[in-house]
Amino acid sequence: MNARVTTNNQVGNVFEKTLFESGLHTVAGQLVERAAQVSTEANGSRLLRWVLAIGAIFLAWKALRGLKSIFWTLFGLGMMVYWTGMWRMWA
C-alpha cells in the first residue's frame, strides 16, 4: 500500500514519492490546467480563478497533512479501548 515511485530530476537527484503523493500531484496539475484553460474576457476574473485554484490545492494539501495526526489519535484511542478491556462491552 505504501509503494514508492522513484523519479529523477535534471540535476540527477533521486526523489521518492508514494503512489498517493503521485496521485495528489496529478490532481493538482489537472486543477491548474483546468484553471488555465478557462476562457475569460477580463484579466481580473482570470486572476481570481488562479487564486481560487491555488487556494483549493493549498487546502487539500493541509487536509491531507492533518490525516496523519488524526490516524495516530484514532490508533491511540483504539489501543486504549483494547488494553483496558472496554471492547468487551460491545462484544
N, C-alpha and C. Protein backbone atom coordinates (compact mmCIF):
# COMPACT_ATOMS: atom_id res chain seq x y z
N MET A 1 0.81 -1.19 0.00
CA MET A 1 0.00 0.00 0.00
C MET A 1 0.86 1.25 0.00
N ASN A 2 2.04 1.17 0.53
CA ASN A 2 2.91 2.33 0.59
C ASN A 2 4.03 2.17 -0.43
N ALA A 3 3.65 1.80 -1.67
CA ALA A 3 4.64 1.60 -2.72
C ALA A 3 5.31 2.92 -3.05
N ARG A 4 6.54 2.86 -3.45
CA ARG A 4 7.30 4.07 -3.74
C ARG A 4 7.60 4.14 -5.23
N VAL A 5 7.56 5.34 -5.74
CA VAL A 5 7.91 5.62 -7.13
C VAL A 5 9.13 6.51 -7.10
N THR A 6 10.17 6.13 -7.84
CA THR A 6 11.40 6.90 -7.85
C THR A 6 11.46 7.71 -9.15
N THR A 7 11.72 9.00 -9.02
CA THR A 7 11.85 9.86 -10.19
C THR A 7 13.16 10.61 -10.12
N ASN A 8 13.69 10.98 -11.27
CA ASN A 8 14.93 11.74 -11.35
C ASN A 8 14.62 13.13 -11.88
N ASN A 9 15.31 14.14 -11.34
CA ASN A 9 15.18 15.47 -11.91
C ASN A 9 16.38 15.74 -12.80
N GLN A 10 16.51 16.98 -13.34
CA GLN A 10 17.57 17.27 -14.29
C GLN A 10 18.96 17.22 -13.66
N VAL A 11 19.08 17.46 -12.37
CA VAL A 11 20.39 17.52 -11.72
C VAL A 11 20.88 16.11 -11.39
N GLY A 12 20.01 15.14 -11.39
CA GLY A 12 20.41 13.78 -11.09
C GLY A 12 20.03 13.34 -9.69
N ASN A 13 19.38 14.20 -8.92
CA ASN A 13 18.91 13.80 -7.60
C ASN A 13 17.72 12.87 -7.73
N VAL A 14 17.60 11.96 -6.78
CA VAL A 14 16.51 10.99 -6.81
C VAL A 14 15.51 11.36 -5.73
N PHE A 15 14.24 11.44 -6.12
CA PHE A 15 13.16 11.70 -5.18
C PHE A 15 12.28 10.47 -5.11
N GLU A 16 11.81 10.15 -3.93
CA GLU A 16 10.88 9.05 -3.77
C GLU A 16 9.52 9.61 -3.38
N LYS A 17 8.48 9.16 -4.09
CA LYS A 17 7.12 9.58 -3.78
C LYS A 17 6.26 8.34 -3.62
N THR A 18 5.33 8.39 -2.70
CA THR A 18 4.37 7.31 -2.62
C THR A 18 3.38 7.46 -3.76
N LEU A 19 2.66 6.38 -4.05
CA LEU A 19 1.67 6.45 -5.11
C LEU A 19 0.58 7.46 -4.77
N PHE A 20 0.28 7.62 -3.49
CA PHE A 20 -0.72 8.60 -3.06
C PHE A 20 -0.25 10.01 -3.39
N GLU A 21 1.04 10.29 -3.11
CA GLU A 21 1.58 11.61 -3.42
C GLU A 21 1.59 11.85 -4.92
N SER A 22 1.92 10.82 -5.70
CA SER A 22 1.91 10.97 -7.15
C SER A 22 0.51 11.29 -7.65
N GLY A 23 -0.48 10.61 -7.09
CA GLY A 23 -1.86 10.89 -7.46
C GLY A 23 -2.26 12.30 -7.09
N LEU A 24 -1.81 12.76 -5.92
CA LEU A 24 -2.13 14.12 -5.47
C LEU A 24 -1.51 15.15 -6.42
N HIS A 25 -0.27 14.91 -6.85
CA HIS A 25 0.37 15.84 -7.78
C HIS A 25 -0.36 15.83 -9.12
N THR A 26 -0.84 14.68 -9.56
CA THR A 26 -1.57 14.59 -10.81
C THR A 26 -2.86 15.41 -10.74
N VAL A 27 -3.60 15.26 -9.66
CA VAL A 27 -4.85 16.00 -9.50
C VAL A 27 -4.57 17.50 -9.41
N ALA A 28 -3.53 17.88 -8.70
CA ALA A 28 -3.19 19.30 -8.59
C ALA A 28 -2.84 19.86 -9.96
N GLY A 29 -2.10 19.10 -10.75
CA GLY A 29 -1.76 19.54 -12.11
C GLY A 29 -2.99 19.70 -12.98
N GLN A 30 -3.94 18.77 -12.85
CA GLN A 30 -5.18 18.87 -13.62
C GLN A 30 -5.98 20.11 -13.22
N LEU A 31 -6.01 20.42 -11.91
CA LEU A 31 -6.72 21.62 -11.47
C LEU A 31 -6.10 22.89 -12.06
N VAL A 32 -4.78 22.94 -12.06
CA VAL A 32 -4.10 24.12 -12.59
C VAL A 32 -4.34 24.23 -14.10
N GLU A 33 -4.30 23.09 -14.82
CA GLU A 33 -4.56 23.12 -16.26
C GLU A 33 -5.98 23.58 -16.55
N ARG A 34 -6.94 23.09 -15.79
CA ARG A 34 -8.33 23.49 -16.00
C ARG A 34 -8.51 24.98 -15.73
N ALA A 35 -7.85 25.47 -14.70
CA ALA A 35 -7.96 26.90 -14.39
C ALA A 35 -7.33 27.74 -15.50
N ALA A 36 -6.25 27.24 -16.11
CA ALA A 36 -5.57 28.00 -17.16
C ALA A 36 -6.35 27.96 -18.47
N GLN A 37 -7.12 26.91 -18.71
CA GLN A 37 -7.84 26.76 -19.97
C GLN A 37 -9.17 27.51 -20.00
N VAL A 38 -9.66 27.93 -18.86
CA VAL A 38 -10.95 28.62 -18.82
C VAL A 38 -10.81 29.94 -19.56
N SER A 39 -11.69 30.13 -20.53
CA SER A 39 -11.61 31.38 -21.29
C SER A 39 -12.35 32.47 -20.52
N THR A 40 -11.68 33.58 -20.34
CA THR A 40 -12.26 34.72 -19.63
C THR A 40 -12.05 35.97 -20.46
N GLU A 41 -12.95 36.93 -20.31
CA GLU A 41 -12.79 38.19 -21.02
C GLU A 41 -11.90 39.17 -20.28
N ALA A 42 -11.98 39.16 -18.97
CA ALA A 42 -11.23 40.14 -18.18
C ALA A 42 -10.07 39.47 -17.45
N ASN A 43 -8.98 40.21 -17.28
CA ASN A 43 -7.83 39.67 -16.57
C ASN A 43 -8.11 39.49 -15.09
N GLY A 44 -8.99 40.31 -14.53
CA GLY A 44 -9.33 40.21 -13.12
C GLY A 44 -9.96 38.87 -12.79
N SER A 45 -10.87 38.39 -13.64
CA SER A 45 -11.50 37.11 -13.36
C SER A 45 -10.51 35.96 -13.59
N ARG A 46 -9.57 36.14 -14.49
CA ARG A 46 -8.55 35.11 -14.70
C ARG A 46 -7.67 35.00 -13.45
N LEU A 47 -7.31 36.14 -12.90
CA LEU A 47 -6.51 36.15 -11.68
C LEU A 47 -7.30 35.51 -10.53
N LEU A 48 -8.58 35.83 -10.46
CA LEU A 48 -9.42 35.24 -9.41
C LEU A 48 -9.47 33.72 -9.54
N ARG A 49 -9.59 33.23 -10.76
CA ARG A 49 -9.62 31.77 -10.97
C ARG A 49 -8.30 31.12 -10.55
N TRP A 50 -7.19 31.77 -10.86
CA TRP A 50 -5.89 31.23 -10.45
C TRP A 50 -5.77 31.22 -8.93
N VAL A 51 -6.19 32.28 -8.29
CA VAL A 51 -6.11 32.36 -6.83
C VAL A 51 -6.99 31.28 -6.20
N LEU A 52 -8.19 31.08 -6.75
CA LEU A 52 -9.08 30.04 -6.23
C LEU A 52 -8.48 28.63 -6.43
N ALA A 53 -7.87 28.39 -7.59
CA ALA A 53 -7.27 27.08 -7.85
C ALA A 53 -6.10 26.84 -6.89
N ILE A 54 -5.27 27.84 -6.70
CA ILE A 54 -4.13 27.69 -5.78
C ILE A 54 -4.62 27.51 -4.35
N GLY A 55 -5.67 28.25 -3.97
CA GLY A 55 -6.25 28.10 -2.63
C GLY A 55 -6.81 26.71 -2.41
N ALA A 56 -7.48 26.15 -3.44
CA ALA A 56 -8.03 24.80 -3.31
C ALA A 56 -6.93 23.77 -3.15
N ILE A 57 -5.86 23.93 -3.89
CA ILE A 57 -4.72 22.99 -3.77
C ILE A 57 -4.09 23.11 -2.39
N PHE A 58 -3.94 24.33 -1.89
CA PHE A 58 -3.36 24.53 -0.56
C PHE A 58 -4.23 23.88 0.51
N LEU A 59 -5.55 24.08 0.44
CA LEU A 59 -6.44 23.48 1.44
C LEU A 59 -6.41 21.96 1.38
N ALA A 60 -6.36 21.39 0.18
CA ALA A 60 -6.27 19.94 0.05
C ALA A 60 -4.97 19.43 0.66
N TRP A 61 -3.88 20.16 0.44
CA TRP A 61 -2.57 19.77 0.99
C TRP A 61 -2.60 19.80 2.52
N LYS A 62 -3.18 20.87 3.09
CA LYS A 62 -3.26 20.95 4.55
C LYS A 62 -4.14 19.85 5.14
N ALA A 63 -5.24 19.55 4.47
CA ALA A 63 -6.14 18.49 4.96
C ALA A 63 -5.44 17.14 4.93
N LEU A 64 -4.70 16.87 3.87
CA LEU A 64 -4.00 15.58 3.78
C LEU A 64 -2.89 15.47 4.82
N ARG A 65 -2.23 16.58 5.12
CA ARG A 65 -1.20 16.55 6.17
C ARG A 65 -1.82 16.27 7.52
N GLY A 66 -3.05 16.74 7.74
CA GLY A 66 -3.74 16.53 9.01
C GLY A 66 -4.21 15.11 9.21
N LEU A 67 -4.34 14.34 8.12
CA LEU A 67 -4.81 12.96 8.24
C LEU A 67 -3.84 12.10 9.05
N LYS A 68 -2.57 12.41 8.99
CA LYS A 68 -1.58 11.63 9.72
C LYS A 68 -1.81 11.72 11.23
N SER A 69 -2.02 12.92 11.74
CA SER A 69 -2.24 13.07 13.18
C SER A 69 -3.59 12.49 13.60
N ILE A 70 -4.60 12.60 12.73
CA ILE A 70 -5.89 12.00 13.05
C ILE A 70 -5.77 10.49 13.14
N PHE A 71 -5.01 9.90 12.22
CA PHE A 71 -4.81 8.45 12.25
C PHE A 71 -4.18 8.02 13.57
N TRP A 72 -3.11 8.70 13.98
CA TRP A 72 -2.42 8.30 15.21
C TRP A 72 -3.29 8.53 16.44
N THR A 73 -4.13 9.55 16.42
CA THR A 73 -5.06 9.78 17.52
C THR A 73 -6.06 8.63 17.63
N LEU A 74 -6.65 8.26 16.48
CA LEU A 74 -7.60 7.15 16.49
C LEU A 74 -6.93 5.83 16.86
N PHE A 75 -5.71 5.63 16.41
CA PHE A 75 -4.97 4.41 16.75
C PHE A 75 -4.74 4.35 18.26
N GLY A 76 -4.34 5.47 18.86
CA GLY A 76 -4.11 5.51 20.30
C GLY A 76 -5.38 5.26 21.09
N LEU A 77 -6.49 5.83 20.66
CA LEU A 77 -7.76 5.57 21.34
C LEU A 77 -8.17 4.11 21.21
N GLY A 78 -7.92 3.54 20.03
CA GLY A 78 -8.22 2.12 19.84
C GLY A 78 -7.38 1.23 20.75
N MET A 79 -6.12 1.55 20.90
CA MET A 79 -5.26 0.78 21.80
C MET A 79 -5.72 0.92 23.25
N MET A 80 -6.17 2.10 23.64
CA MET A 80 -6.68 2.30 24.99
C MET A 80 -7.91 1.42 25.23
N VAL A 81 -8.82 1.40 24.25
CA VAL A 81 -10.03 0.58 24.39
C VAL A 81 -9.66 -0.90 24.47
N TYR A 82 -8.71 -1.32 23.64
CA TYR A 82 -8.31 -2.72 23.64
C TYR A 82 -7.63 -3.13 24.94
N TRP A 83 -6.63 -2.36 25.39
CA TRP A 83 -5.84 -2.77 26.55
C TRP A 83 -6.58 -2.58 27.87
N THR A 84 -7.58 -1.72 27.92
CA THR A 84 -8.35 -1.59 29.15
C THR A 84 -9.49 -2.60 29.23
N GLY A 85 -9.75 -3.30 28.14
CA GLY A 85 -10.82 -4.29 28.13
C GLY A 85 -12.19 -3.70 27.86
N MET A 86 -12.26 -2.43 27.51
CA MET A 86 -13.54 -1.79 27.25
C MET A 86 -14.23 -2.37 26.02
N TRP A 87 -13.46 -3.00 25.11
CA TRP A 87 -14.04 -3.56 23.91
C TRP A 87 -15.00 -4.71 24.23
N ARG A 88 -14.87 -5.30 25.39
CA ARG A 88 -15.74 -6.41 25.76
C ARG A 88 -17.18 -5.95 25.99
N MET A 89 -17.37 -4.66 26.24
CA MET A 89 -18.73 -4.14 26.42
C MET A 89 -19.52 -4.23 25.13
N TRP A 90 -18.85 -4.16 23.99
CA TRP A 90 -19.56 -4.19 22.70
C TRP A 90 -19.48 -5.56 22.05
N ALA A 91 -18.75 -6.48 22.62
CA ALA A 91 -18.58 -7.81 22.01
C ALA A 91 -19.75 -8.72 22.27
